[in-house]
């Protein structure tokens, strides 16, 4: 004969076990109509990277960036497995060698150059033509640094009193 206490315990534990399994079922891949296996999300989300803002060889700020890239249809996400550290290293090295600094901001990076660099490096790691899109999700500066001061010619007027415009070093006699 089964004890009443054992039945009560099972009745209490069954719903708790179901609650523990529910999040796993919610995150399980969904099957599409007519497919035996669901397709993986082709978007690869990279961890945040700190890239420098360097002006005249001097570190001015860091910008933390979040990047994603989307693989072309039919390319499995496993082609990038284990290669994120190499991609991050290559991008950070390039950011120090040829900074992605914008001429008008010390708190944002040049998106076009950064995306082109990431695309070039990813193509080198997984093979050309497998990435459809590189997306810069977010840029967060470490510090707020005011934008570069405009000289008189850039501002369209004369420089402020007591301030000389920066000399143009590209003048050839």
Protein backbone atom coordinates (compact mmCIF):
# COMPACT_ATOMS: atom_id res chain seq x y z
CA UNK A 1 0.00 0.00 0.00
CA UNK A 2 1.34 3.45 -0.94
CA UNK A 3 1.65 5.84 1.87
CA UNK A 4 -0.39 9.05 1.70
CA UNK A 5 2.73 11.10 2.50
CA UNK A 6 4.53 9.74 -0.60
CA UNK A 7 1.56 10.60 -2.82
CA UNK A 8 1.41 14.12 -1.40
CA UNK A 9 5.14 14.59 -2.04
CA UNK A 10 4.82 13.46 -5.67
CA UNK A 11 1.82 15.72 -6.16
CA UNK A 12 3.88 18.65 -4.90
CA UNK A 13 7.06 17.88 -6.88
CA UNK A 14 5.42 17.22 -10.26
CA UNK A 15 4.38 20.86 -10.90
CA UNK A 16 7.78 22.11 -9.68
CA UNK A 17 9.57 19.82 -12.12
CA UNK A 18 7.34 21.11 -14.92
CA UNK A 19 8.20 24.71 -14.02
CA UNK A 20 11.91 23.89 -14.09
CA UNK A 21 11.64 22.44 -17.61
CA UNK A 22 9.44 25.22 -19.07
CA UNK A 23 12.27 27.76 -19.76
CA UNK A 24 14.23 25.09 -21.62
CA UNK A 25 11.20 24.31 -23.76
CA UNK A 26 10.61 28.00 -24.45
CA UNK A 27 14.17 28.42 -25.78
CA UNK A 28 14.07 25.28 -27.91
CA UNK A 29 14.28 25.95 -31.66
CA UNK A 30 10.93 26.15 -33.34
CA UNK A 31 10.17 23.89 -36.28
CA UNK A 32 8.80 25.47 -39.39
CA UNK A 33 6.03 23.99 -41.50
CA UNK A 34 7.25 21.13 -43.64
CA UNK A 35 10.73 21.10 -42.13
CA UNK A 36 12.09 18.34 -39.98
CA UNK A 37 14.77 20.60 -38.50
CA UNK A 38 14.65 24.29 -37.61
CA UNK A 39 17.25 26.61 -39.12
CA UNK A 40 19.67 28.36 -36.81
CA UNK A 41 19.63 32.13 -36.55
CA UNK A 42 22.23 33.36 -39.10
CA UNK A 43 23.14 36.40 -36.96
CA UNK A 44 26.37 36.14 -34.97
CA UNK A 45 26.58 38.57 -32.07
CA UNK A 46 30.09 39.54 -31.04
CA UNK A 47 31.05 40.48 -27.51
CA UNK A 48 31.65 44.15 -26.80
CA UNK A 49 35.06 45.53 -27.82
CA UNK A 50 36.88 48.63 -26.59
CA UNK A 51 38.37 50.52 -29.53
CA UNK A 52 40.58 53.60 -29.12
CA UNK A 53 40.09 57.15 -30.33
CA UNK A 54 43.61 58.28 -31.20
CA UNK A 55 44.42 61.81 -32.39
CA UNK A 56 47.93 62.90 -33.37
CA UNK A 57 49.35 59.75 -31.78
CA UNK A 58 47.62 60.49 -28.46
CA UNK A 59 44.90 58.35 -26.87
CA UNK A 60 41.86 60.57 -26.37
CA UNK A 61 39.09 58.09 -25.49
CA UNK A 62 37.81 54.55 -25.82
CA UNK A 63 34.52 53.57 -27.44
CA UNK A 64 32.88 50.26 -26.58
CA UNK A 65 31.20 48.79 -29.65
CA UNK A 66 28.75 45.94 -30.10
CA UNK A 67 28.79 44.33 -33.53
CA UNK A 68 26.74 41.66 -35.26
CA UNK A 69 27.18 40.07 -38.61
CA UNK A 70 24.66 38.15 -40.65
CA UNK A 71 25.65 35.11 -42.64
CA UNK A 72 24.21 34.49 -46.08
CA UNK A 73 21.39 32.00 -46.46
CA UNK A 74 22.51 28.41 -46.21
CA UNK A 75 25.78 29.15 -44.38
CA UNK A 76 25.80 27.39 -40.99
CA UNK A 77 26.79 29.41 -37.96
CA UNK A 78 29.28 26.70 -37.07
CA UNK A 79 31.73 28.06 -39.68
CA UNK A 80 32.55 30.80 -37.16
CA UNK A 81 32.81 28.48 -34.13
CA UNK A 82 35.89 29.29 -32.06
CA UNK A 83 37.02 32.15 -34.31
CA UNK A 84 35.64 35.14 -32.40
CA UNK A 85 38.86 35.72 -30.37
CA UNK A 86 40.87 35.89 -33.61
CA UNK A 87 38.41 38.36 -35.14
CA UNK A 88 38.37 40.56 -32.04
CA UNK A 89 42.18 40.54 -31.88
CA UNK A 90 42.50 41.54 -35.55
CA UNK A 91 39.97 44.39 -35.21
CA UNK A 92 41.59 45.76 -32.03
CA UNK A 93 45.05 45.59 -33.63
CA UNK A 94 43.83 47.50 -36.68
CA UNK A 95 42.08 50.07 -34.46
CA UNK A 96 45.42 50.81 -32.79
CA UNK A 97 47.43 50.83 -36.05
CA UNK A 98 44.91 52.85 -38.12
CA UNK A 99 42.32 54.27 -35.70
CA UNK A 100 38.65 54.45 -36.71
CA UNK A 101 38.57 58.04 -35.42
CA UNK A 102 36.07 60.42 -36.97
CA UNK A 103 37.32 63.94 -37.69
CA UNK A 104 34.26 65.50 -36.01
CA UNK A 105 33.88 63.38 -32.86
CA UNK A 106 35.86 61.91 -29.99
CA UNK A 107 32.92 59.79 -28.77
CA UNK A 108 32.01 57.84 -31.93
CA UNK A 109 33.88 55.79 -34.50
CA UNK A 110 33.88 55.89 -38.29
CA UNK A 111 31.19 53.25 -38.92
CA UNK A 112 31.99 52.71 -42.59
CA UNK A 113 35.67 51.94 -41.99
CA UNK A 114 34.90 49.78 -38.95
CA UNK A 115 32.31 47.68 -40.81
CA UNK A 116 34.66 47.29 -43.79
CA UNK A 117 37.45 46.15 -41.48
CA UNK A 118 35.22 43.59 -39.72
CA UNK A 119 33.96 42.28 -43.07
CA UNK A 120 37.52 41.96 -44.39
CA UNK A 121 38.68 40.10 -41.28
CA UNK A 122 35.64 37.78 -41.18
CA UNK A 123 36.13 36.92 -44.85
CA UNK A 124 39.73 36.03 -44.05
CA UNK A 125 38.65 33.75 -41.20
CA UNK A 126 35.66 31.89 -42.69
CA UNK A 127 36.10 32.44 -46.42
CA UNK A 128 34.91 35.17 -48.78
CA UNK A 129 31.28 35.67 -49.68
CA UNK A 130 29.73 34.09 -46.57
CA UNK A 131 28.76 37.30 -44.76
CA UNK A 132 25.73 39.26 -45.94
CA UNK A 133 25.80 42.20 -43.52
CA UNK A 134 27.87 43.72 -40.71
CA UNK A 135 25.84 45.76 -38.22
CA UNK A 136 27.16 48.20 -35.65
CA UNK A 137 24.58 47.78 -32.89
CA UNK A 138 25.85 50.22 -30.30
CA UNK A 139 28.69 52.65 -29.58
CA UNK A 140 29.27 53.72 -25.98
CA UNK A 141 32.12 56.12 -25.20
CA UNK A 142 34.07 55.58 -22.01
CA UNK A 143 34.20 59.33 -21.32
CA UNK A 144 32.45 62.30 -22.82
CA UNK A 145 35.12 64.23 -24.67
CA UNK A 146 34.07 67.44 -26.43
CA UNK A 147 34.40 67.39 -30.21
CA UNK A 148 37.53 68.82 -31.79
CA UNK A 149 37.64 72.59 -31.94
CA UNK A 150 37.05 73.98 -35.39
CA UNK A 151 39.66 76.32 -36.78
CA UNK A 152 38.64 79.61 -38.40
CA UNK A 153 38.60 78.17 -41.93
CA UNK A 154 36.51 75.17 -40.85
CA UNK A 155 34.05 77.29 -38.87
CA UNK A 156 33.59 79.68 -41.77
CA UNK A 157 34.80 82.76 -39.90
CA UNK A 158 37.76 84.19 -38.12
CA UNK A 159 39.32 82.51 -35.12
CA UNK A 160 38.39 83.66 -31.63
CA UNK A 161 40.46 86.57 -30.27
CA UNK A 162 43.78 85.40 -28.87
CA UNK A 163 43.57 82.13 -30.77
CA UNK A 164 45.65 81.45 -33.82
CA UNK A 165 44.52 78.92 -36.40
CA UNK A 166 46.53 75.72 -36.55
CA UNK A 167 49.32 75.90 -39.13
CA UNK A 168 48.73 73.97 -42.33
CA UNK A 169 51.65 71.59 -42.58
CA UNK A 170 50.76 70.41 -46.08
CA UNK A 171 51.86 73.62 -47.82
CA UNK A 172 54.58 73.03 -50.39
CA UNK A 173 56.63 76.13 -51.38
